[in-house]
């Protein structure tokens, strides 16, 4: 298994909280030479697309095509996780480049955090929050079977975040990136 040198940042947040946007901003700030973004959903969507003869590029997008299959994809992946909770985490890390920092942009379950902590050192958990009205303005609509299941709710009662930040606007986003960088330097001065 590929191991990063210094730090793994595990990001989570509800749909339309802006966590992916923040991860991209953080990566741009740190630079490609120093970090990469790992998506647990990458191998999940790739395998799902192959098994169901779907377009992977559209499935990886943030559009209606993915939403059309989201519920079935959640149920399908939950079946796999029942027998192997770390299956998708392991698959995402196996192909990851050896960088000083890994940004894992889509941690969704306690079992994801547990798997990373059991397999790697120097883990930091980061929860991105946004007000409901902001998420709705970004296009979020409650979907039964999606927003009320483990893939969106399993971490609602997890209270051991290293960093928890509100992302309601562009200024918040800039402050979030700055705060994460400062906290990372406190934890790992060589970053």
Protein backbone atom coordinates (compact mmCIF):
# COMPACT_ATOMS: atom_id res chain seq x y z
CA UNK A 1 0.00 0.00 0.00
CA UNK A 2 1.30 3.46 -0.90
CA UNK A 3 2.01 5.55 2.19
CA UNK A 4 2.13 9.37 2.23
CA UNK A 5 5.08 10.87 4.05
CA UNK A 6 3.52 13.36 6.43
CA UNK A 7 -0.23 13.81 6.74
CA UNK A 8 -3.65 12.54 5.67
CA UNK A 9 -6.54 15.00 5.83
CA UNK A 10 -9.93 13.28 5.98
CA UNK A 11 -12.70 15.64 4.84
CA UNK A 12 -16.40 15.16 5.36
CA UNK A 13 -19.50 17.29 4.95
CA UNK A 14 -23.06 17.08 3.79
CA UNK A 15 -23.95 17.35 0.12
CA UNK A 16 -23.46 20.92 -1.17
CA UNK A 17 -21.43 21.94 1.90
CA UNK A 18 -18.56 22.85 -0.43
CA UNK A 19 -16.09 20.24 0.80
CA UNK A 20 -14.92 19.30 -2.71
CA UNK A 21 -14.42 22.97 -3.60
CA UNK A 22 -12.38 23.49 -0.43
CA UNK A 23 -10.30 20.37 -1.13
CA UNK A 24 -9.51 21.69 -4.62
CA UNK A 25 -8.56 25.12 -3.20
CA UNK A 26 -6.35 23.49 -0.58
CA UNK A 27 -4.64 21.36 -3.22
CA UNK A 28 -4.03 24.41 -5.41
CA UNK A 29 -2.50 26.23 -2.44
CA UNK A 30 -0.26 23.32 -1.42
CA UNK A 31 0.68 22.46 -5.01
CA UNK A 32 0.65 19.23 -7.02
CA UNK A 33 4.20 18.39 -5.95
CA UNK A 34 3.15 18.22 -2.31
CA UNK A 35 -0.33 16.73 -2.26
CA UNK A 36 -3.08 14.89 -4.08
CA UNK A 37 -6.80 14.43 -3.66
CA UNK A 38 -8.01 10.91 -3.04
CA UNK A 39 -11.68 10.15 -3.58
CA UNK A 40 -13.14 7.06 -1.96
CA UNK A 41 -15.98 7.46 -4.42
CA UNK A 42 -13.55 7.01 -7.35
CA UNK A 43 -13.20 3.22 -7.19
CA UNK A 44 -16.79 2.94 -6.01
CA UNK A 45 -18.14 4.77 -9.07
CA UNK A 46 -15.68 3.07 -11.43
CA UNK A 47 -16.73 -0.41 -10.29
CA UNK A 48 -20.41 0.53 -10.28
CA UNK A 49 -20.15 1.97 -13.81
CA UNK A 50 -18.40 -1.17 -15.08
CA UNK A 51 -20.94 -3.51 -13.44
CA UNK A 52 -23.91 -1.53 -14.77
CA UNK A 53 -22.51 -0.43 -18.19
CA UNK A 54 -22.72 3.27 -17.32
CA UNK A 55 -20.70 6.31 -18.41
CA UNK A 56 -18.01 6.80 -15.75
CA UNK A 57 -17.29 10.43 -16.66
CA UNK A 58 -20.94 11.37 -16.21
CA UNK A 59 -21.14 9.34 -13.02
CA UNK A 60 -18.13 11.25 -11.63
CA UNK A 61 -19.73 14.62 -12.42
CA UNK A 62 -21.94 16.64 -10.12
CA UNK A 63 -24.92 16.55 -12.45
CA UNK A 64 -28.28 14.86 -12.95
CA UNK A 65 -26.76 11.67 -14.40
CA UNK A 66 -25.08 10.85 -11.08
CA UNK A 67 -28.23 11.78 -9.16
CA UNK A 68 -30.23 9.35 -11.29
CA UNK A 69 -28.09 6.45 -10.01
CA UNK A 70 -27.12 7.75 -6.55
CA UNK A 71 -29.63 5.72 -4.50
CA UNK A 72 -28.86 2.44 -6.25
CA UNK A 73 -25.13 3.14 -6.01
CA UNK A 74 -25.46 3.73 -2.25
CA UNK A 75 -27.37 0.47 -1.76
CA UNK A 76 -24.91 -1.46 -3.94
CA UNK A 77 -21.87 -0.08 -2.09
CA UNK A 78 -23.48 -0.76 1.31
CA UNK A 79 -23.76 -4.44 0.36
CA UNK A 80 -20.03 -4.55 -0.40
CA UNK A 81 -19.19 -2.70 2.83
CA UNK A 82 -21.14 -5.25 4.88
CA UNK A 83 -18.57 -7.92 4.08
CA UNK A 84 -15.54 -5.58 3.80
CA UNK A 85 -15.95 -2.11 5.41
CA UNK A 86 -12.58 -0.91 4.10
CA UNK A 87 -13.01 -2.11 0.52
CA UNK A 88 -13.41 1.32 -1.14
CA UNK A 89 -10.89 3.08 1.15
CA UNK A 90 -8.28 0.46 0.33
CA UNK A 91 -9.03 0.64 -3.40
CA UNK A 92 -8.73 4.45 -3.36
CA UNK A 93 -5.36 4.33 -1.58
CA UNK A 94 -3.85 1.56 -3.69
CA UNK A 95 -3.65 3.81 -6.72
CA UNK A 96 -2.72 7.01 -4.90
CA UNK A 97 0.61 8.71 -5.62
CA UNK A 98 3.23 8.99 -2.90
CA UNK A 99 2.79 12.63 -1.85
CA UNK A 100 3.58 14.39 1.43
CA UNK A 101 -0.12 15.10 1.98
CA UNK A 102 -3.20 13.16 1.00
CA UNK A 103 -6.49 15.03 0.92
CA UNK A 104 -9.30 12.48 1.18
CA UNK A 105 -12.28 14.51 0.03
CA UNK A 106 -15.23 12.24 0.73
CA UNK A 107 -15.16 10.41 4.05
CA UNK A 108 -18.75 9.44 4.81
CA UNK A 109 -18.74 6.75 7.48
CA UNK A 110 -17.20 6.00 10.85
CA UNK A 111 -15.81 2.84 9.24
CA UNK A 112 -13.88 5.05 6.75
CA UNK A 113 -12.22 6.97 9.59
CA UNK A 114 -11.55 3.74 11.47
CA UNK A 115 -9.95 2.15 8.41
CA UNK A 116 -7.59 5.08 7.85
CA UNK A 117 -6.62 5.25 11.52
CA UNK A 118 -5.90 1.51 11.57
CA UNK A 119 -3.77 1.65 8.42
CA UNK A 120 -1.99 5.01 8.57
CA UNK A 121 -0.47 7.49 11.01
CA UNK A 122 -0.86 11.27 11.09
CA UNK A 123 -4.58 11.43 10.37
CA UNK A 124 -6.57 14.66 10.80
CA UNK A 125 -10.35 14.75 10.50
CA UNK A 126 -12.02 17.84 9.06
CA UNK A 127 -15.77 18.49 8.94
CA UNK A 128 -17.10 21.18 6.63
CA UNK A 129 -20.48 22.61 7.58
CA UNK A 130 -22.86 24.95 5.76
CA UNK A 131 -26.24 26.33 6.73
CA UNK A 132 -29.22 24.55 5.19
CA UNK A 133 -30.28 27.68 3.30
CA UNK A 134 -26.79 27.96 1.77
CA UNK A 135 -26.79 24.30 0.72
CA UNK A 136 -30.22 24.79 -0.85
CA UNK A 137 -28.96 27.87 -2.72
CA UNK A 138 -26.13 25.68 -4.05
CA UNK A 139 -28.70 23.24 -5.47
CA UNK A 140 -29.27 20.77 -2.63
CA UNK A 141 -32.73 19.24 -2.29
CA UNK A 142 -33.60 16.60 0.27
CA UNK A 143 -33.80 13.18 -1.37
CA UNK A 144 -35.37 10.36 0.63
CA UNK A 145 -33.12 7.31 0.66
CA UNK A 146 -30.05 9.49 0.02
CA UNK A 147 -29.99 12.25 2.62
CA UNK A 148 -31.37 10.09 5.42
CA UNK A 149 -29.08 7.04 5.15
CA UNK A 150 -25.58 6.15 6.36
CA UNK A 151 -23.78 7.69 3.38
CA UNK A 152 -25.00 11.13 4.53
CA UNK A 153 -25.77 10.60 8.22
CA UNK A 154 -23.32 8.11 9.73
CA UNK A 155 -20.97 10.87 10.90
CA UNK A 156 -23.70 13.14 12.32
CA UNK A 157 -23.03 11.89 15.85
CA UNK A 158 -19.22 11.69 15.45
CA UNK A 159 -17.77 14.34 17.75
CA UNK A 160 -14.01 13.84 17.50
CA UNK A 161 -13.19 16.27 14.69
CA UNK A 162 -9.73 17.79 14.68
CA UNK A 163 -11.10 20.73 12.70
CA UNK A 164 -14.73 21.75 12.18
CA UNK A 165 -15.44 24.80 10.02
CA UNK A 166 -18.44 26.67 8.59
CA UNK A 167 -18.50 27.30 4.81
CA UNK A 168 -21.33 29.66 3.93
CA UNK A 169 -19.60 32.02 1.47
CA UNK A 170 -16.39 32.79 -0.46
CA UNK A 171 -14.82 34.56 2.52
CA UNK A 172 -15.48 31.47 4.65
CA UNK A 173 -13.79 29.35 2.00
CA UNK A 174 -10.63 31.47 2.00
CA UNK A 175 -10.57 31.47 5.81
CA UNK A 176 -11.13 27.70 5.88
CA UNK A 177 -8.14 27.02 3.64
CA UNK A 178 -5.98 29.38 5.72
CA UNK A 179 -7.18 27.80 8.99
CA UNK A 180 -6.52 24.27 7.74
CA UNK A 181 -3.01 25.23 6.63
CA UNK A 182 -2.28 26.85 10.00
CA UNK A 183 -3.59 23.82 11.92
CA UNK A 184 -1.62 21.45 9.69
CA UNK A 185 1.57 23.42 10.37
CA UNK A 186 0.86 23.24 14.11
CA UNK A 187 0.45 19.47 13.84
CA UNK A 188 3.26 18.90 11.35
CA UNK A 189 5.69 21.90 11.25
CA UNK A 190 7.53 20.55 8.19
CA UNK A 191 4.45 21.14 6.00
